[in-house]
Amino acid sequence: MEQILGNNLKKLRESCGISQEKLAREIDVSLGTINNWEARRRDIPAKKLVAIAGFFRCSLGEVMGVSDLSGQVLTPERPGGAT
């Protein structure tokens, strides 16, 4: 799960054109913390997952990689939310 979270955080951040520095400031963590999360060296605490979802105005499912931006639940049968 940590690998998925780190990958999704980086993908979400980059797709919005947000730097690690800006995200770190906005959710009150250090730049190193963001780097560690994206590199999957540290777990993202639940409280910070909520802050990330709030910052990007998306669902926890989107941050965690269990749904895509259309709200579809991702499963092995429907990777990427394809129907």
N, C-alpha and C. Protein backbone atom coordinates (compact mmCIF):
# COMPACT_ATOMS: atom_id res chain seq x y z
N MET A 1 0.83 -1.20 0.00
CA MET A 1 0.00 0.00 0.00
C MET A 1 0.87 1.26 0.00
N GLU A 2 2.02 1.24 0.72
CA GLU A 2 2.86 2.42 0.78
C GLU A 2 3.36 2.79 -0.61
N GLN A 3 3.69 1.77 -1.43
CA GLN A 3 4.17 2.04 -2.78
C GLN A 3 3.09 2.75 -3.60
N ILE A 4 1.86 2.27 -3.48
CA ILE A 4 0.75 2.89 -4.20
C ILE A 4 0.56 4.33 -3.73
N LEU A 5 0.58 4.55 -2.43
CA LEU A 5 0.39 5.90 -1.89
C LEU A 5 1.46 6.85 -2.39
N GLY A 6 2.71 6.43 -2.31
CA GLY A 6 3.81 7.28 -2.76
C GLY A 6 3.70 7.61 -4.24
N ASN A 7 3.40 6.60 -5.04
CA ASN A 7 3.25 6.82 -6.48
C ASN A 7 2.08 7.75 -6.77
N ASN A 8 0.96 7.54 -6.09
CA ASN A 8 -0.22 8.37 -6.33
C ASN A 8 0.00 9.80 -5.89
N LEU A 9 0.68 9.99 -4.77
CA LEU A 9 0.96 11.34 -4.31
C LEU A 9 1.78 12.09 -5.34
N LYS A 10 2.83 11.46 -5.82
CA LYS A 10 3.70 12.11 -6.82
C LYS A 10 2.92 12.40 -8.10
N LYS A 11 2.15 11.43 -8.56
CA LYS A 11 1.37 11.60 -9.79
C LYS A 11 0.36 12.74 -9.63
N LEU A 12 -0.33 12.77 -8.52
CA LEU A 12 -1.32 13.80 -8.26
C LEU A 12 -0.65 15.17 -8.18
N ARG A 13 0.42 15.25 -7.46
CA ARG A 13 1.14 16.52 -7.29
C ARG A 13 1.65 17.04 -8.63
N GLU A 14 2.29 16.17 -9.40
CA GLU A 14 2.84 16.59 -10.68
C GLU A 14 1.75 16.95 -11.69
N SER A 15 0.64 16.21 -11.66
CA SER A 15 -0.45 16.51 -12.61
C SER A 15 -1.07 17.88 -12.33
N CYS A 16 -0.93 18.36 -11.11
CA CYS A 16 -1.46 19.69 -10.74
C CYS A 16 -0.39 20.77 -10.82
N GLY A 17 0.83 20.40 -11.19
CA GLY A 17 1.90 21.38 -11.31
C GLY A 17 2.35 21.94 -9.97
N ILE A 18 2.25 21.13 -8.92
CA ILE A 18 2.61 21.57 -7.57
C ILE A 18 3.99 21.01 -7.22
N SER A 19 4.85 21.85 -6.69
CA SER A 19 6.17 21.39 -6.27
C SER A 19 6.08 20.68 -4.92
N GLN A 20 7.09 19.88 -4.63
CA GLN A 20 7.16 19.26 -3.31
C GLN A 20 7.20 20.33 -2.22
N GLU A 21 7.92 21.41 -2.49
CA GLU A 21 8.04 22.48 -1.50
C GLU A 21 6.69 23.11 -1.18
N LYS A 22 5.89 23.39 -2.22
CA LYS A 22 4.59 24.01 -2.00
C LYS A 22 3.67 23.07 -1.23
N LEU A 23 3.63 21.80 -1.63
CA LEU A 23 2.78 20.85 -0.92
C LEU A 23 3.21 20.74 0.54
N ALA A 24 4.51 20.68 0.78
CA ALA A 24 5.01 20.59 2.15
C ALA A 24 4.53 21.77 2.99
N ARG A 25 4.63 22.97 2.45
CA ARG A 25 4.17 24.17 3.17
C ARG A 25 2.67 24.10 3.45
N GLU A 26 1.91 23.70 2.45
CA GLU A 26 0.45 23.71 2.56
C GLU A 26 -0.08 22.70 3.57
N ILE A 27 0.60 21.57 3.73
CA ILE A 27 0.09 20.56 4.68
C ILE A 27 0.96 20.47 5.93
N ASP A 28 1.86 21.45 6.09
CA ASP A 28 2.66 21.61 7.32
C ASP A 28 3.55 20.40 7.62
N VAL A 29 4.35 20.02 6.62
CA VAL A 29 5.39 19.01 6.81
C VAL A 29 6.66 19.53 6.15
N SER A 30 7.77 18.84 6.35
CA SER A 30 9.02 19.26 5.73
C SER A 30 9.11 18.74 4.29
N LEU A 31 9.97 19.37 3.53
CA LEU A 31 10.24 18.91 2.16
C LEU A 31 10.75 17.47 2.20
N GLY A 32 11.58 17.15 3.16
CA GLY A 32 12.11 15.79 3.29
C GLY A 32 11.01 14.77 3.52
N THR A 33 9.98 15.17 4.25
CA THR A 33 8.86 14.26 4.50
C THR A 33 8.14 13.93 3.20
N ILE A 34 7.87 14.95 2.39
CA ILE A 34 7.22 14.71 1.09
C ILE A 34 8.10 13.79 0.25
N ASN A 35 9.38 14.08 0.22
CA ASN A 35 10.31 13.26 -0.55
C ASN A 35 10.30 11.82 -0.06
N ASN A 36 10.30 11.62 1.24
CA ASN A 36 10.27 10.26 1.80
C ASN A 36 8.97 9.54 1.47
N TRP A 37 7.85 10.25 1.50
CA TRP A 37 6.58 9.62 1.15
C TRP A 37 6.58 9.19 -0.31
N GLU A 38 7.01 10.08 -1.19
CA GLU A 38 7.00 9.76 -2.61
C GLU A 38 8.00 8.66 -2.95
N ALA A 39 9.10 8.60 -2.23
CA ALA A 39 10.11 7.56 -2.46
C ALA A 39 9.77 6.27 -1.70
N ARG A 40 8.65 6.30 -0.98
CA ARG A 40 8.14 5.14 -0.24
C ARG A 40 9.08 4.69 0.89
N ARG A 41 9.79 5.67 1.46
CA ARG A 41 10.65 5.36 2.60
C ARG A 41 9.91 5.52 3.93
N ARG A 42 8.79 6.24 3.90
CA ARG A 42 7.98 6.48 5.10
C ARG A 42 6.51 6.34 4.74
N ASP A 43 5.72 5.89 5.71
CA ASP A 43 4.27 5.81 5.54
C ASP A 43 3.66 7.20 5.71
N ILE A 44 2.55 7.42 5.03
CA ILE A 44 1.83 8.69 5.17
C ILE A 44 0.78 8.51 6.27
N PRO A 45 0.86 9.29 7.36
CA PRO A 45 -0.13 9.17 8.43
C PRO A 45 -1.54 9.52 7.93
N ALA A 46 -2.53 8.90 8.52
CA ALA A 46 -3.93 9.11 8.11
C ALA A 46 -4.30 10.59 8.14
N LYS A 47 -3.87 11.30 9.16
CA LYS A 47 -4.19 12.72 9.28
C LYS A 47 -3.65 13.51 8.09
N LYS A 48 -2.47 13.14 7.61
CA LYS A 48 -1.88 13.83 6.46
C LYS A 48 -2.53 13.40 5.16
N LEU A 49 -3.04 12.16 5.08
CA LEU A 49 -3.81 11.74 3.90
C LEU A 49 -5.04 12.63 3.74
N VAL A 50 -5.69 12.92 4.85
CA VAL A 50 -6.86 13.80 4.84
C VAL A 50 -6.45 15.20 4.39
N ALA A 51 -5.33 15.69 4.89
CA ALA A 51 -4.84 17.02 4.50
C ALA A 51 -4.50 17.06 3.01
N ILE A 52 -3.90 16.01 2.49
CA ILE A 52 -3.55 15.94 1.07
C ILE A 52 -4.83 15.95 0.22
N ALA A 53 -5.80 15.13 0.60
CA ALA A 53 -7.07 15.10 -0.13
C ALA A 53 -7.73 16.47 -0.11
N GLY A 54 -7.71 17.14 1.02
CA GLY A 54 -8.29 18.47 1.13
C GLY A 54 -7.56 19.48 0.26
N PHE A 55 -6.25 19.43 0.26
CA PHE A 55 -5.47 20.35 -0.54
C PHE A 55 -5.76 20.18 -2.03
N PHE A 56 -5.82 18.93 -2.48
CA PHE A 56 -6.06 18.67 -3.91
C PHE A 56 -7.54 18.60 -4.26
N ARG A 57 -8.40 18.75 -3.24
CA ARG A 57 -9.85 18.70 -3.45
C ARG A 57 -10.27 17.42 -4.17
N CYS A 58 -9.80 16.31 -3.61
CA CYS A 58 -10.16 15.01 -4.16
C CYS A 58 -10.50 14.08 -2.99
N SER A 59 -10.91 12.89 -3.31
CA SER A 59 -11.29 11.95 -2.27
C SER A 59 -10.08 11.21 -1.71
N LEU A 60 -10.25 10.64 -0.54
CA LEU A 60 -9.19 9.79 0.02
C LEU A 60 -8.93 8.62 -0.91
N GLY A 61 -9.99 8.10 -1.53
CA GLY A 61 -9.83 6.99 -2.47
C GLY A 61 -8.90 7.34 -3.62
N GLU A 62 -9.00 8.57 -4.10
CA GLU A 62 -8.12 9.01 -5.18
C GLU A 62 -6.68 9.12 -4.70
N VAL A 63 -6.47 9.65 -3.51
CA VAL A 63 -5.12 9.76 -2.96
C VAL A 63 -4.54 8.37 -2.73
N MET A 64 -5.37 7.46 -2.26
CA MET A 64 -4.90 6.12 -1.92
C MET A 64 -4.84 5.18 -3.11
N GLY A 65 -5.40 5.60 -4.24
CA GLY A 65 -5.33 4.78 -5.43
C GLY A 65 -6.38 3.70 -5.53
N VAL A 66 -7.47 3.84 -4.78
CA VAL A 66 -8.55 2.85 -4.87
C VAL A 66 -9.69 3.33 -5.74
N SER A 67 -9.63 4.59 -6.17
CA SER A 67 -10.58 5.10 -7.17
C SER A 67 -9.85 6.12 -8.02
N ASP A 68 -10.37 6.33 -9.22
CA ASP A 68 -9.74 7.33 -10.08
C ASP A 68 -10.48 8.65 -9.95
N LEU A 69 -10.07 9.63 -10.71
CA LEU A 69 -10.65 10.97 -10.57
C LEU A 69 -12.11 11.02 -11.00
N SER A 70 -12.59 10.00 -11.71
CA SER A 70 -14.01 9.96 -12.08
C SER A 70 -14.84 9.33 -10.98
N GLY A 71 -14.16 8.81 -9.94
CA GLY A 71 -14.87 8.18 -8.84
C GLY A 71 -15.05 6.68 -9.00
N GLN A 72 -14.60 6.12 -10.13
CA GLN A 72 -14.71 4.68 -10.32
C GLN A 72 -13.73 3.95 -9.43
N VAL A 73 -14.19 2.85 -8.85
CA VAL A 73 -13.32 2.02 -8.03
C VAL A 73 -12.41 1.23 -8.95
N LEU A 74 -11.12 1.24 -8.61
CA LEU A 74 -10.14 0.52 -9.41
C LEU A 74 -10.01 -0.91 -8.90
N THR A 75 -10.06 -1.85 -9.79
CA THR A 75 -9.90 -3.26 -9.46
C THR A 75 -8.96 -3.88 -10.46
N PRO A 76 -8.44 -5.08 -10.19
CA PRO A 76 -7.58 -5.73 -11.18
C PRO A 76 -8.29 -5.93 -12.52
N GLU A 77 -9.62 -6.08 -12.48
CA GLU A 77 -10.37 -6.27 -13.73
C GLU A 77 -10.56 -4.95 -14.47
N ARG A 78 -10.49 -3.83 -13.73
CA ARG A 78 -10.71 -2.51 -14.33
C ARG A 78 -9.55 -1.57 -13.98
N PRO A 79 -8.33 -1.92 -14.39
CA PRO A 79 -7.20 -1.02 -14.08
C PRO A 79 -7.42 0.33 -14.74
N GLY A 80 -7.07 1.35 -14.01
CA GLY A 80 -7.24 2.69 -14.55
C GLY A 80 -8.68 3.14 -14.67
N GLY A 81 -9.60 2.37 -14.09
CA GLY A 81 -10.99 2.76 -14.11
C GLY A 81 -11.72 2.43 -15.40
N ALA A 82 -11.07 1.66 -16.28
CA ALA A 82 -11.69 1.32 -17.56
C ALA A 82 -12.87 0.40 -17.33
N THR A 83 -13.89 0.55 -18.15
CA THR A 83 -15.08 -0.31 -18.01
C THR A 83 -15.06 -1.42 -19.03
